[in-house]
Amino acid sequence: MGPMYDLFPANLPSGIVHLKSILAKDTQDALARATKQVSKTAEFSHARTKSGGIYSAEMTNCGEFGWWSDSQGYRYTHIDPRSGQPWPKVPKSFTETLTMVLAGTDHSDFRPDACLINHYPDTAKMGLHQDKDEADFSQPIVTLSLGAAADFLIGGFKRSDKSIKLLVESGDALIMGGKSRMRFHGIRKIYPGTSPLPGLDGRLSLNFRKAT
């Protein structure tokens, strides 16, 4: 039997913080432009799972480390395995925005060394999974959403646990930390045509992590 969904969550689990519409429109535009520059050096592509499957979302990275997946497994690397070159540096707009988002939260001292960028076309999804390739699970995962709205699933600590659905939209930030750092999570659905950013189809998620 597959996971169950609570479509109308009243409260989020402890450690999950949803900052609704925290990013102003000009900030969203700046982040989208910076992402495009990153992808000129490290192009978006569809990574493969260990078993040979292909992710429906496109991925790239910036920062000291980048997360990647292929026949060698899931891992963080200093270089882009496709080109053999270092990942692009994190754009200044990324770091400035992250500092603003985390100010006043329990994670204001978070200093990520990796940013995984996912692009979800209209039909893309991401199955329930845990982020567990990092060295220190006391560090949060912080996601900034740009473009199309999406249903974000928050599960329990087993894949079969009941999940709740949270609508995330362009300009939202989501923090997974504390007691909820190791919860299963995923993307259930992208809502086509809902991106408020010109030239951006689908959804971009900027996922800040501390790999080491």
N, C-alpha and C. Protein backbone atom coordinates (compact mmCIF):
# COMPACT_ATOMS: atom_id res chain seq x y z
N MET A 1 0.84 -1.20 0.00
CA MET A 1 0.00 0.00 0.00
C MET A 1 0.87 1.24 0.00
N GLY A 2 0.57 2.20 -0.86
CA GLY A 2 1.37 3.41 -0.98
C GLY A 2 1.11 4.38 0.15
N PRO A 3 1.85 5.49 0.21
CA PRO A 3 1.68 6.48 1.27
C PRO A 3 0.33 7.16 1.18
N MET A 4 -0.18 7.61 2.33
CA MET A 4 -1.44 8.32 2.42
C MET A 4 -1.17 9.82 2.50
N TYR A 5 -2.12 10.63 2.02
CA TYR A 5 -1.95 12.07 1.99
C TYR A 5 -3.06 12.77 2.78
N ASP A 6 -2.64 13.73 3.60
CA ASP A 6 -3.59 14.64 4.23
C ASP A 6 -3.58 15.91 3.39
N LEU A 7 -4.65 16.16 2.64
CA LEU A 7 -4.66 17.25 1.66
C LEU A 7 -4.80 18.63 2.27
N PHE A 8 -5.20 18.73 3.53
CA PHE A 8 -5.42 20.04 4.13
C PHE A 8 -4.78 20.10 5.51
N PRO A 9 -3.43 20.18 5.57
CA PRO A 9 -2.77 20.18 6.87
C PRO A 9 -3.09 21.43 7.67
N ALA A 10 -3.47 21.24 8.94
CA ALA A 10 -3.78 22.38 9.79
C ALA A 10 -2.50 22.97 10.37
N ASN A 11 -1.55 22.11 10.72
CA ASN A 11 -0.30 22.55 11.33
C ASN A 11 0.85 21.77 10.73
N LEU A 12 1.99 22.43 10.62
CA LEU A 12 3.18 21.75 10.12
C LEU A 12 3.94 21.12 11.27
N PRO A 13 4.64 20.03 11.01
CA PRO A 13 5.41 19.39 12.09
C PRO A 13 6.49 20.32 12.62
N SER A 14 6.86 20.09 13.87
CA SER A 14 7.94 20.86 14.49
C SER A 14 9.21 20.75 13.65
N GLY A 15 9.84 21.88 13.38
CA GLY A 15 11.05 21.89 12.57
C GLY A 15 10.81 22.27 11.12
N ILE A 16 9.55 22.26 10.68
CA ILE A 16 9.20 22.70 9.33
C ILE A 16 8.70 24.14 9.42
N VAL A 17 9.34 25.03 8.69
CA VAL A 17 8.94 26.44 8.68
C VAL A 17 8.64 26.84 7.24
N HIS A 18 7.41 27.29 7.00
CA HIS A 18 6.99 27.74 5.67
C HIS A 18 6.86 29.26 5.71
N LEU A 19 7.78 29.95 5.03
CA LEU A 19 7.77 31.40 4.99
C LEU A 19 7.10 31.82 3.68
N LYS A 20 5.82 32.17 3.80
CA LYS A 20 5.00 32.43 2.62
C LYS A 20 5.31 33.80 2.03
N SER A 21 5.57 33.83 0.71
CA SER A 21 5.76 35.08 -0.05
C SER A 21 6.82 35.97 0.58
N ILE A 22 7.89 35.37 1.09
CA ILE A 22 8.93 36.16 1.75
C ILE A 22 9.85 36.86 0.74
N LEU A 23 9.86 36.39 -0.50
CA LEU A 23 10.72 36.97 -1.51
C LEU A 23 9.94 37.95 -2.38
N ALA A 24 10.39 39.19 -2.41
CA ALA A 24 9.76 40.20 -3.26
C ALA A 24 9.95 39.83 -4.73
N LYS A 25 9.11 40.40 -5.58
CA LYS A 25 9.15 40.07 -7.01
C LYS A 25 10.52 40.37 -7.61
N ASP A 26 11.13 41.50 -7.26
CA ASP A 26 12.43 41.82 -7.84
C ASP A 26 13.52 40.85 -7.36
N THR A 27 13.37 40.36 -6.14
CA THR A 27 14.30 39.35 -5.63
C THR A 27 14.14 38.04 -6.40
N GLN A 28 12.90 37.65 -6.65
CA GLN A 28 12.67 36.44 -7.43
C GLN A 28 13.27 36.56 -8.83
N ASP A 29 13.08 37.71 -9.45
CA ASP A 29 13.64 37.94 -10.78
C ASP A 29 15.16 37.83 -10.76
N ALA A 30 15.78 38.42 -9.72
CA ALA A 30 17.25 38.39 -9.61
C ALA A 30 17.75 36.96 -9.43
N LEU A 31 17.05 36.17 -8.62
CA LEU A 31 17.45 34.78 -8.40
C LEU A 31 17.31 33.96 -9.69
N ALA A 32 16.24 34.21 -10.42
CA ALA A 32 16.03 33.49 -11.68
C ALA A 32 17.12 33.84 -12.69
N ARG A 33 17.49 35.11 -12.77
CA ARG A 33 18.57 35.51 -13.67
C ARG A 33 19.90 34.88 -13.27
N ALA A 34 20.17 34.87 -11.96
CA ALA A 34 21.42 34.28 -11.48
C ALA A 34 21.47 32.78 -11.76
N THR A 35 20.33 32.11 -11.63
CA THR A 35 20.26 30.69 -11.95
C THR A 35 20.59 30.44 -13.41
N LYS A 36 20.08 31.30 -14.28
CA LYS A 36 20.37 31.16 -15.71
C LYS A 36 21.87 31.28 -15.97
N GLN A 37 22.53 32.18 -15.24
CA GLN A 37 23.98 32.33 -15.40
C GLN A 37 24.72 31.09 -14.92
N VAL A 38 24.28 30.53 -13.78
CA VAL A 38 24.89 29.29 -13.29
C VAL A 38 24.77 28.19 -14.34
N SER A 39 23.59 28.08 -14.97
CA SER A 39 23.35 26.99 -15.91
C SER A 39 24.11 27.16 -17.22
N LYS A 40 24.66 28.34 -17.46
CA LYS A 40 25.50 28.51 -18.65
C LYS A 40 26.84 27.79 -18.46
N THR A 41 27.29 27.69 -17.21
CA THR A 41 28.54 26.98 -16.90
C THR A 41 28.28 25.51 -16.61
N ALA A 42 27.28 25.24 -15.79
CA ALA A 42 26.90 23.87 -15.42
C ALA A 42 25.46 23.67 -15.87
N GLU A 43 25.27 23.11 -17.04
CA GLU A 43 23.95 23.01 -17.64
C GLU A 43 23.03 22.10 -16.83
N PHE A 44 21.75 22.41 -16.90
CA PHE A 44 20.74 21.51 -16.35
C PHE A 44 20.76 20.20 -17.14
N SER A 45 20.61 19.10 -16.43
CA SER A 45 20.46 17.81 -17.09
C SER A 45 19.72 16.87 -16.16
N HIS A 46 19.29 15.75 -16.71
CA HIS A 46 18.53 14.77 -15.94
C HIS A 46 19.51 13.73 -15.37
N ALA A 47 19.71 13.80 -14.06
CA ALA A 47 20.58 12.82 -13.41
C ALA A 47 19.92 11.45 -13.40
N ARG A 48 20.73 10.43 -13.19
CA ARG A 48 20.23 9.06 -13.14
C ARG A 48 20.30 8.50 -11.73
N THR A 49 19.37 7.64 -11.40
CA THR A 49 19.42 6.94 -10.12
C THR A 49 20.45 5.83 -10.19
N LYS A 50 20.77 5.27 -9.03
CA LYS A 50 21.74 4.16 -8.99
C LYS A 50 21.29 2.98 -9.84
N SER A 51 19.98 2.79 -9.94
CA SER A 51 19.46 1.65 -10.68
C SER A 51 19.28 1.94 -12.17
N GLY A 52 19.60 3.18 -12.59
CA GLY A 52 19.52 3.50 -14.01
C GLY A 52 18.31 4.31 -14.42
N GLY A 53 17.41 4.59 -13.48
CA GLY A 53 16.27 5.43 -13.79
C GLY A 53 16.69 6.88 -14.01
N ILE A 54 15.80 7.67 -14.58
CA ILE A 54 16.10 9.06 -14.89
C ILE A 54 15.15 9.97 -14.12
N TYR A 55 15.69 10.96 -13.44
CA TYR A 55 14.85 11.92 -12.73
C TYR A 55 14.08 12.77 -13.73
N SER A 56 12.82 13.05 -13.43
CA SER A 56 12.03 13.90 -14.33
C SER A 56 12.37 15.37 -14.16
N ALA A 57 12.91 15.74 -13.01
CA ALA A 57 13.39 17.11 -12.80
C ALA A 57 14.82 17.23 -13.33
N GLU A 58 15.14 18.40 -13.86
CA GLU A 58 16.51 18.69 -14.29
C GLU A 58 17.29 19.25 -13.11
N MET A 59 18.60 19.00 -13.07
CA MET A 59 19.41 19.40 -11.93
C MET A 59 20.69 20.09 -12.36
N THR A 60 21.16 21.00 -11.52
CA THR A 60 22.52 21.50 -11.57
C THR A 60 22.87 21.98 -10.17
N ASN A 61 24.08 22.49 -9.99
CA ASN A 61 24.55 22.88 -8.67
C ASN A 61 25.43 24.11 -8.76
N CYS A 62 25.58 24.77 -7.62
CA CYS A 62 26.62 25.78 -7.46
C CYS A 62 27.11 25.70 -6.01
N GLY A 63 28.34 26.15 -5.80
CA GLY A 63 28.90 26.10 -4.46
C GLY A 63 30.17 25.27 -4.41
N GLU A 64 30.70 25.11 -3.20
CA GLU A 64 31.90 24.32 -3.03
C GLU A 64 31.66 22.86 -3.39
N PHE A 65 30.45 22.38 -3.09
CA PHE A 65 30.06 21.01 -3.42
C PHE A 65 28.79 21.03 -4.25
N GLY A 66 28.59 19.97 -5.01
CA GLY A 66 27.35 19.76 -5.73
C GLY A 66 26.87 18.35 -5.50
N TRP A 67 25.55 18.16 -5.43
CA TRP A 67 24.99 16.81 -5.26
C TRP A 67 24.74 16.20 -6.62
N TRP A 68 25.10 14.92 -6.75
CA TRP A 68 24.89 14.26 -8.04
C TRP A 68 24.52 12.81 -7.84
N SER A 69 23.93 12.23 -8.86
CA SER A 69 23.49 10.84 -8.82
C SER A 69 23.70 10.21 -10.18
N ASP A 70 24.32 9.03 -10.19
CA ASP A 70 24.49 8.25 -11.41
C ASP A 70 24.75 6.80 -11.00
N SER A 71 25.31 6.02 -11.88
CA SER A 71 25.54 4.60 -11.58
C SER A 71 26.49 4.39 -10.41
N GLN A 72 27.28 5.42 -10.07
CA GLN A 72 28.19 5.33 -8.94
C GLN A 72 27.50 5.63 -7.61
N GLY A 73 26.26 6.07 -7.67
CA GLY A 73 25.50 6.34 -6.45
C GLY A 73 25.27 7.81 -6.19
N TYR A 74 24.65 8.10 -5.03
CA TYR A 74 24.34 9.45 -4.61
C TYR A 74 25.53 10.01 -3.84
N ARG A 75 25.91 11.25 -4.14
CA ARG A 75 27.10 11.78 -3.49
C ARG A 75 27.23 13.28 -3.72
N TYR A 76 28.08 13.91 -2.91
CA TYR A 76 28.51 15.28 -3.14
C TYR A 76 29.90 15.25 -3.76
N THR A 77 30.12 16.14 -4.71
CA THR A 77 31.42 16.20 -5.39
C THR A 77 31.90 17.65 -5.45
N HIS A 78 33.23 17.82 -5.51
CA HIS A 78 33.82 19.14 -5.71
C HIS A 78 33.68 19.60 -7.16
N ILE A 79 33.56 18.64 -8.07
CA ILE A 79 33.53 18.96 -9.48
C ILE A 79 32.25 18.44 -10.12
N ASP A 80 31.92 19.03 -11.24
CA ASP A 80 30.80 18.55 -12.04
C ASP A 80 31.25 17.28 -12.76
N PRO A 81 30.67 16.11 -12.44
CA PRO A 81 31.13 14.86 -13.05
C PRO A 81 31.03 14.86 -14.57
N ARG A 82 30.18 15.71 -15.12
CA ARG A 82 29.99 15.74 -16.57
C ARG A 82 31.12 16.46 -17.29
N SER A 83 31.65 17.50 -16.65
CA SER A 83 32.67 18.34 -17.30
C SER A 83 34.05 18.21 -16.69
N GLY A 84 34.11 17.72 -15.44
CA GLY A 84 35.37 17.66 -14.73
C GLY A 84 35.81 19.00 -14.18
N GLN A 85 34.94 20.00 -14.27
CA GLN A 85 35.25 21.35 -13.79
C GLN A 85 34.56 21.61 -12.45
N PRO A 86 35.10 22.53 -11.64
CA PRO A 86 34.43 22.89 -10.39
C PRO A 86 33.03 23.44 -10.66
N TRP A 87 32.15 23.23 -9.70
CA TRP A 87 30.83 23.83 -9.82
C TRP A 87 30.95 25.35 -9.78
N PRO A 88 30.04 26.09 -10.42
CA PRO A 88 30.09 27.55 -10.35
C PRO A 88 29.96 28.04 -8.91
N LYS A 89 30.52 29.20 -8.66
CA LYS A 89 30.39 29.80 -7.33
C LYS A 89 28.92 30.18 -7.07
N VAL A 90 28.57 30.21 -5.80
CA VAL A 90 27.21 30.63 -5.43
C VAL A 90 27.05 32.12 -5.73
N PRO A 91 26.05 32.50 -6.51
CA PRO A 91 25.86 33.92 -6.82
C PRO A 91 25.61 34.75 -5.55
N LYS A 92 26.05 35.98 -5.59
CA LYS A 92 25.88 36.87 -4.44
C LYS A 92 24.41 37.03 -4.08
N SER A 93 23.55 37.07 -5.10
CA SER A 93 22.12 37.23 -4.84
C SER A 93 21.57 36.05 -4.05
N PHE A 94 22.13 34.85 -4.25
CA PHE A 94 21.70 33.67 -3.49
C PHE A 94 22.03 33.86 -2.01
N THR A 95 23.28 34.20 -1.73
CA THR A 95 23.71 34.29 -0.33
C THR A 95 23.02 35.43 0.38
N GLU A 96 22.85 36.55 -0.29
CA GLU A 96 22.17 37.69 0.34
C GLU A 96 20.71 37.36 0.64
N THR A 97 20.07 36.68 -0.28
CA THR A 97 18.66 36.31 -0.06
C THR A 97 18.53 35.31 1.07
N LEU A 98 19.43 34.33 1.11
CA LEU A 98 19.37 33.33 2.17
C LEU A 98 19.57 33.98 3.54
N THR A 99 20.49 34.91 3.65
CA THR A 99 20.71 35.62 4.91
C THR A 99 19.44 36.34 5.35
N MET A 100 18.78 36.99 4.40
CA MET A 100 17.54 37.70 4.71
C MET A 100 16.45 36.74 5.17
N VAL A 101 16.31 35.62 4.48
CA VAL A 101 15.27 34.65 4.80
C VAL A 101 15.45 34.07 6.20
N LEU A 102 16.70 33.80 6.58
CA LEU A 102 16.97 33.11 7.84
C LEU A 102 17.09 34.04 9.03
N ALA A 103 17.15 35.35 8.78
CA ALA A 103 17.26 36.30 9.89
C ALA A 103 16.08 36.14 10.84
N GLY A 104 16.36 36.01 12.12
CA GLY A 104 15.30 35.87 13.11
C GLY A 104 14.79 34.46 13.29
N THR A 105 15.31 33.50 12.52
CA THR A 105 14.92 32.10 12.69
C THR A 105 15.95 31.38 13.57
N ASP A 106 15.68 30.13 13.85
CA ASP A 106 16.63 29.33 14.64
C ASP A 106 17.88 28.96 13.83
N HIS A 107 17.88 29.30 12.55
CA HIS A 107 18.97 28.88 11.67
C HIS A 107 19.70 30.07 11.06
N SER A 108 19.73 31.19 11.77
CA SER A 108 20.36 32.40 11.23
C SER A 108 21.87 32.23 11.02
N ASP A 109 22.48 31.25 11.68
CA ASP A 109 23.92 31.02 11.52
C ASP A 109 24.23 29.92 10.50
N PHE A 110 23.23 29.47 9.76
CA PHE A 110 23.42 28.41 8.77
C PHE A 110 24.33 28.91 7.65
N ARG A 111 25.37 28.15 7.35
CA ARG A 111 26.32 28.50 6.31
C ARG A 111 26.47 27.31 5.35
N PRO A 112 25.62 27.23 4.34
CA PRO A 112 25.68 26.09 3.42
C PRO A 112 26.93 26.12 2.55
N ASP A 113 27.34 24.95 2.09
CA ASP A 113 28.45 24.86 1.16
C ASP A 113 28.02 24.23 -0.16
N ALA A 114 26.71 24.04 -0.33
CA ALA A 114 26.18 23.45 -1.56
C ALA A 114 24.80 24.02 -1.84
N CYS A 115 24.50 24.21 -3.12
CA CYS A 115 23.16 24.60 -3.52
C CYS A 115 22.76 23.75 -4.72
N LEU A 116 21.85 22.82 -4.49
CA LEU A 116 21.28 21.99 -5.55
C LEU A 116 20.11 22.75 -6.16
N ILE A 117 20.14 22.93 -7.47
CA ILE A 117 19.08 23.65 -8.17
C ILE A 117 18.30 22.65 -9.01
N ASN A 118 17.01 22.53 -8.72
CA ASN A 118 16.13 21.65 -9.48
C ASN A 118 15.21 22.49 -10.36
N HIS A 119 15.05 22.06 -11.60
CA HIS A 119 14.03 22.65 -12.47
C HIS A 119 12.99 21.59 -12.77
N TYR A 120 11.74 21.89 -12.38
CA TYR A 120 10.64 20.96 -12.60
C TYR A 120 9.80 21.44 -13.78
N PRO A 121 9.88 20.78 -14.92
CA PRO A 121 8.92 21.06 -15.99
C PRO A 121 7.51 20.74 -15.51
N ASP A 122 6.54 21.09 -16.32
CA ASP A 122 5.14 20.98 -15.89
C ASP A 122 4.74 19.57 -15.47
N THR A 123 5.35 18.55 -16.05
CA THR A 123 4.94 17.17 -15.75
C THR A 123 5.87 16.48 -14.75
N ALA A 124 6.86 17.19 -14.23
CA ALA A 124 7.85 16.56 -13.36
C ALA A 124 7.31 16.32 -11.95
N LYS A 125 7.89 15.34 -11.29
CA LYS A 125 7.60 15.02 -9.90
C LYS A 125 8.89 14.63 -9.21
N MET A 126 8.82 14.49 -7.90
CA MET A 126 9.96 13.97 -7.13
C MET A 126 9.39 13.06 -6.05
N GLY A 127 9.73 11.80 -6.09
CA GLY A 127 9.18 10.85 -5.14
C GLY A 127 9.64 11.14 -3.72
N LEU A 128 8.94 10.58 -2.76
CA LEU A 128 9.30 10.75 -1.36
C LEU A 128 10.71 10.23 -1.10
N HIS A 129 11.52 11.04 -0.45
CA HIS A 129 12.91 10.68 -0.20
C HIS A 129 13.42 11.43 1.02
N GLN A 130 14.52 10.99 1.56
CA GLN A 130 15.22 11.70 2.64
C GLN A 130 16.51 12.29 2.10
N ASP A 131 16.89 13.45 2.61
CA ASP A 131 18.20 14.02 2.31
C ASP A 131 19.16 13.50 3.38
N LYS A 132 19.98 12.52 3.00
CA LYS A 132 20.81 11.86 4.00
C LYS A 132 22.26 11.66 3.53
N ASP A 133 22.67 12.43 2.53
CA ASP A 133 24.05 12.33 2.06
C ASP A 133 24.94 13.39 2.70
N GLU A 134 24.37 14.19 3.61
CA GLU A 134 25.13 15.23 4.29
C GLU A 134 25.80 14.65 5.54
N ALA A 135 26.85 15.32 6.00
CA ALA A 135 27.63 14.82 7.14
C ALA A 135 26.98 15.16 8.48
N ASP A 136 26.23 16.24 8.55
CA ASP A 136 25.71 16.75 9.83
C ASP A 136 24.22 17.01 9.70
N PHE A 137 23.41 16.12 10.26
CA PHE A 137 21.96 16.25 10.14
C PHE A 137 21.38 17.31 11.07
N SER A 138 22.23 17.94 11.88
CA SER A 138 21.75 19.06 12.70
C SER A 138 21.59 20.33 11.86
N GLN A 139 22.16 20.31 10.66
CA GLN A 139 22.06 21.45 9.75
C GLN A 139 20.78 21.32 8.92
N PRO A 140 20.07 22.42 8.68
CA PRO A 140 18.79 22.34 7.97
C PRO A 140 18.97 22.23 6.46
N ILE A 141 17.89 21.96 5.79
CA ILE A 141 17.77 22.13 4.35
C ILE A 141 16.85 23.33 4.14
N VAL A 142 17.29 24.29 3.34
CA VAL A 142 16.49 25.49 3.08
C VAL A 142 16.21 25.57 1.59
N THR A 143 14.94 25.68 1.23
CA THR A 143 14.53 25.69 -0.17
C THR A 143 13.82 27.00 -0.50
N LEU A 144 14.25 27.64 -1.58
CA LEU A 144 13.57 28.82 -2.12
C LEU A 144 12.85 28.41 -3.39
N SER A 145 11.59 28.79 -3.51
CA SER A 145 10.77 28.40 -4.66
C SER A 145 10.59 29.55 -5.62
N LEU A 146 10.76 29.27 -6.91
CA LEU A 146 10.57 30.25 -7.97
C LEU A 146 9.73 29.63 -9.07
N GLY A 147 8.86 30.44 -9.68
CA GLY A 147 8.10 29.96 -10.83
C GLY A 147 6.78 29.33 -10.45
N ALA A 148 6.46 28.22 -11.09
CA ALA A 148 5.15 27.60 -10.93
C ALA A 148 4.92 27.08 -9.51
N ALA A 149 3.65 27.10 -9.10
CA ALA A 149 3.26 26.54 -7.82
C ALA A 149 3.36 25.02 -7.87
N ALA A 150 3.52 24.42 -6.70
CA ALA A 150 3.68 22.96 -6.63
C ALA A 150 3.11 22.44 -5.32
N ASP A 151 2.73 21.17 -5.33
CA ASP A 151 2.35 20.47 -4.11
C ASP A 151 3.60 19.81 -3.53
N PHE A 152 4.01 20.27 -2.36
CA PHE A 152 5.17 19.73 -1.65
C PHE A 152 4.66 18.75 -0.61
N LEU A 153 5.17 17.54 -0.65
CA LEU A 153 4.74 16.51 0.30
C LEU A 153 5.70 16.44 1.47
N ILE A 154 5.16 16.41 2.67
CA ILE A 154 5.94 16.24 3.89
C ILE A 154 5.48 14.94 4.55
N GLY A 155 6.38 13.99 4.61
CA GLY A 155 6.04 12.70 5.17
C GLY A 155 6.58 12.52 6.57
N GLY A 156 6.64 11.28 6.97
CA GLY A 156 7.17 10.93 8.28
C GLY A 156 8.61 10.46 8.17
N PHE A 157 8.98 9.52 9.03
CA PHE A 157 10.36 9.03 9.05
C PHE A 157 10.49 7.65 8.41
N LYS A 158 9.37 7.18 7.87
CA LYS A 158 9.35 6.00 7.02
C LYS A 158 8.60 6.37 5.75
N ARG A 159 9.00 5.77 4.64
CA ARG A 159 8.38 6.12 3.36
C ARG A 159 6.87 5.86 3.37
N SER A 160 6.45 4.88 4.13
CA SER A 160 5.04 4.50 4.15
C SER A 160 4.20 5.36 5.08
N ASP A 161 4.83 6.25 5.86
CA ASP A 161 4.08 7.11 6.78
C ASP A 161 3.17 8.07 6.01
N LYS A 162 2.09 8.47 6.65
CA LYS A 162 1.16 9.41 6.05
C LYS A 162 1.85 10.73 5.73
N SER A 163 1.52 11.31 4.58
CA SER A 163 2.10 12.58 4.16
C SER A 163 1.05 13.67 4.14
N ILE A 164 1.52 14.91 4.34
CA ILE A 164 0.65 16.07 4.18
C ILE A 164 1.10 16.83 2.94
N LYS A 165 0.15 17.54 2.34
CA LYS A 165 0.43 18.30 1.12
C LYS A 165 0.47 19.78 1.46
N LEU A 166 1.54 20.44 1.05
CA LEU A 166 1.72 21.87 1.29
C LEU A 166 1.90 22.56 -0.06
N LEU A 167 1.08 23.56 -0.35
CA LEU A 167 1.22 24.32 -1.59
C LEU A 167 2.36 25.32 -1.43
N VAL A 168 3.36 25.20 -2.30
CA VAL A 168 4.46 26.17 -2.31
C VAL A 168 4.39 26.95 -3.61
N GLU A 169 4.59 28.27 -3.51
CA GLU A 169 4.46 29.15 -4.66
C GLU A 169 5.71 30.00 -4.82
N SER A 170 5.80 30.67 -5.94
CA SER A 170 6.95 31.51 -6.22
C SER A 170 7.13 32.56 -5.13
N GLY A 171 8.34 32.65 -4.57
CA GLY A 171 8.61 33.59 -3.50
C GLY A 171 8.54 33.00 -2.11
N ASP A 172 8.17 31.71 -2.01
CA ASP A 172 8.12 31.04 -0.71
C ASP A 172 9.49 30.47 -0.34
N ALA A 173 9.72 30.34 0.95
CA ALA A 173 10.89 29.62 1.48
C ALA A 173 10.40 28.54 2.42
N LEU A 174 11.10 27.42 2.43
CA LEU A 174 10.75 26.30 3.30
C LEU A 174 12.01 25.81 4.00
N ILE A 175 11.92 25.70 5.32
CA ILE A 175 13.04 25.22 6.13
C ILE A 175 12.67 23.86 6.71
N MET A 176 13.53 22.88 6.50
CA MET A 176 13.38 21.57 7.14
C MET A 176 14.56 21.38 8.08
N GLY A 177 14.30 21.47 9.36
CA GLY A 177 15.38 21.36 10.34
C GLY A 177 14.88 20.74 11.62
N GLY A 178 15.75 20.75 12.63
CA GLY A 178 15.36 20.24 13.93
C GLY A 178 14.83 18.82 13.87
N LYS A 179 13.70 18.60 14.52
CA LYS A 179 13.12 17.27 14.59
C LYS A 179 12.62 16.76 13.24
N SER A 180 12.46 17.67 12.28
CA SER A 180 11.92 17.27 10.98
C SER A 180 12.97 17.17 9.88
N ARG A 181 14.24 17.31 10.27
CA ARG A 181 15.30 17.30 9.26
C ARG A 181 15.30 16.03 8.42
N MET A 182 14.97 14.90 9.02
CA MET A 182 15.06 13.63 8.31
C MET A 182 13.71 13.10 7.83
N ARG A 183 12.73 13.95 7.74
CA ARG A 183 11.44 13.52 7.22
C ARG A 183 11.54 13.23 5.71
N PHE A 184 10.77 12.25 5.27
CA PHE A 184 10.61 12.04 3.84
C PHE A 184 9.84 13.23 3.26
N HIS A 185 10.16 13.58 2.03
CA HIS A 185 9.50 14.70 1.38
C HIS A 185 9.61 14.53 -0.13
N GLY A 186 8.81 15.27 -0.88
CA GLY A 186 8.84 15.15 -2.34
C GLY A 186 7.94 16.18 -2.99
N ILE A 187 7.87 16.13 -4.30
CA ILE A 187 7.00 17.01 -5.09
C ILE A 187 5.96 16.15 -5.78
N ARG A 188 4.70 16.43 -5.48
CA ARG A 188 3.60 15.61 -6.01
C ARG A 188 3.11 16.11 -7.36
N LYS A 189 3.09 17.45 -7.52
CA LYS A 189 2.48 18.01 -8.72
C LYS A 189 2.97 19.43 -8.96
N ILE A 190 3.18 19.77 -10.23
CA ILE A 190 3.46 21.13 -10.66
C ILE A 190 2.19 21.68 -11.30
N TYR A 191 1.88 22.94 -11.02
CA TYR A 191 0.69 23.56 -11.59
C TYR A 191 1.09 24.40 -12.81
N PRO A 192 0.86 23.90 -14.02
CA PRO A 192 1.29 24.60 -15.23
C PRO A 192 0.65 25.99 -15.35
N GLY A 193 1.42 26.91 -15.90
CA GLY A 193 0.88 28.24 -16.17
C GLY A 193 0.78 29.16 -14.97
N THR A 194 1.34 28.77 -13.83
CA THR A 194 1.21 29.59 -12.61
C THR A 194 2.47 30.39 -12.31
N SER A 195 3.50 30.28 -13.14
CA SER A 195 4.72 31.04 -12.88
C SER A 195 4.49 32.52 -13.11
N PRO A 196 4.80 33.39 -12.13
CA PRO A 196 4.64 34.83 -12.31
C PRO A 196 5.89 35.48 -12.91
N LEU A 197 6.91 34.67 -13.20
CA LEU A 197 8.18 35.22 -13.67
C LEU A 197 8.29 35.04 -15.18
N PRO A 198 8.39 36.13 -15.92
CA PRO A 198 8.50 36.03 -17.39
C PRO A 198 9.70 35.18 -17.80
N GLY A 199 9.47 34.30 -18.74
CA GLY A 199 10.55 33.47 -19.25
C GLY A 199 10.86 32.23 -18.44
N LEU A 200 10.20 32.06 -17.30
CA LEU A 200 10.42 30.88 -16.48
C LEU A 200 9.20 29.97 -16.54
N ASP A 201 9.34 28.86 -17.22
CA ASP A 201 8.29 27.85 -17.25
C ASP A 201 8.63 26.78 -16.23
N GLY A 202 7.60 26.23 -15.58
CA GLY A 202 7.84 25.24 -14.55
C GLY A 202 8.33 25.89 -13.27
N ARG A 203 8.92 25.06 -12.41
CA ARG A 203 9.35 25.52 -11.09
C ARG A 203 10.85 25.33 -10.90
N LEU A 204 11.48 26.33 -10.29
CA LEU A 204 12.86 26.23 -9.84
C LEU A 204 12.86 26.11 -8.32
N SER A 205 13.67 25.20 -7.79
CA SER A 205 13.88 25.15 -6.35
C SER A 205 15.37 25.27 -6.10
N LEU A 206 15.73 26.21 -5.23
CA LEU A 206 17.12 26.42 -4.83
C LEU A 206 17.27 25.80 -3.45
N ASN A 207 18.02 24.69 -3.36
CA ASN A 207 18.10 23.89 -2.14
C ASN A 207 19.48 24.06 -1.50
N PHE A 208 19.51 24.79 -0.40
CA PHE A 208 20.78 25.08 0.28
C PHE A 208 21.05 24.02 1.34
N ARG A 209 22.28 23.47 1.32
CA ARG A 209 22.64 22.38 2.19
C ARG A 209 24.06 22.54 2.71
N LYS A 210 24.34 21.90 3.84
CA LYS A 210 25.70 21.81 4.36
C LYS A 210 26.16 20.39 4.13
N ALA A 211 26.99 20.21 3.12
CA ALA A 211 27.40 18.86 2.74
C ALA A 211 28.38 18.26 3.71
N THR A 212 29.30 19.08 4.26
CA THR A 212 30.38 18.56 5.08
C THR A 212 30.13 18.83 6.56
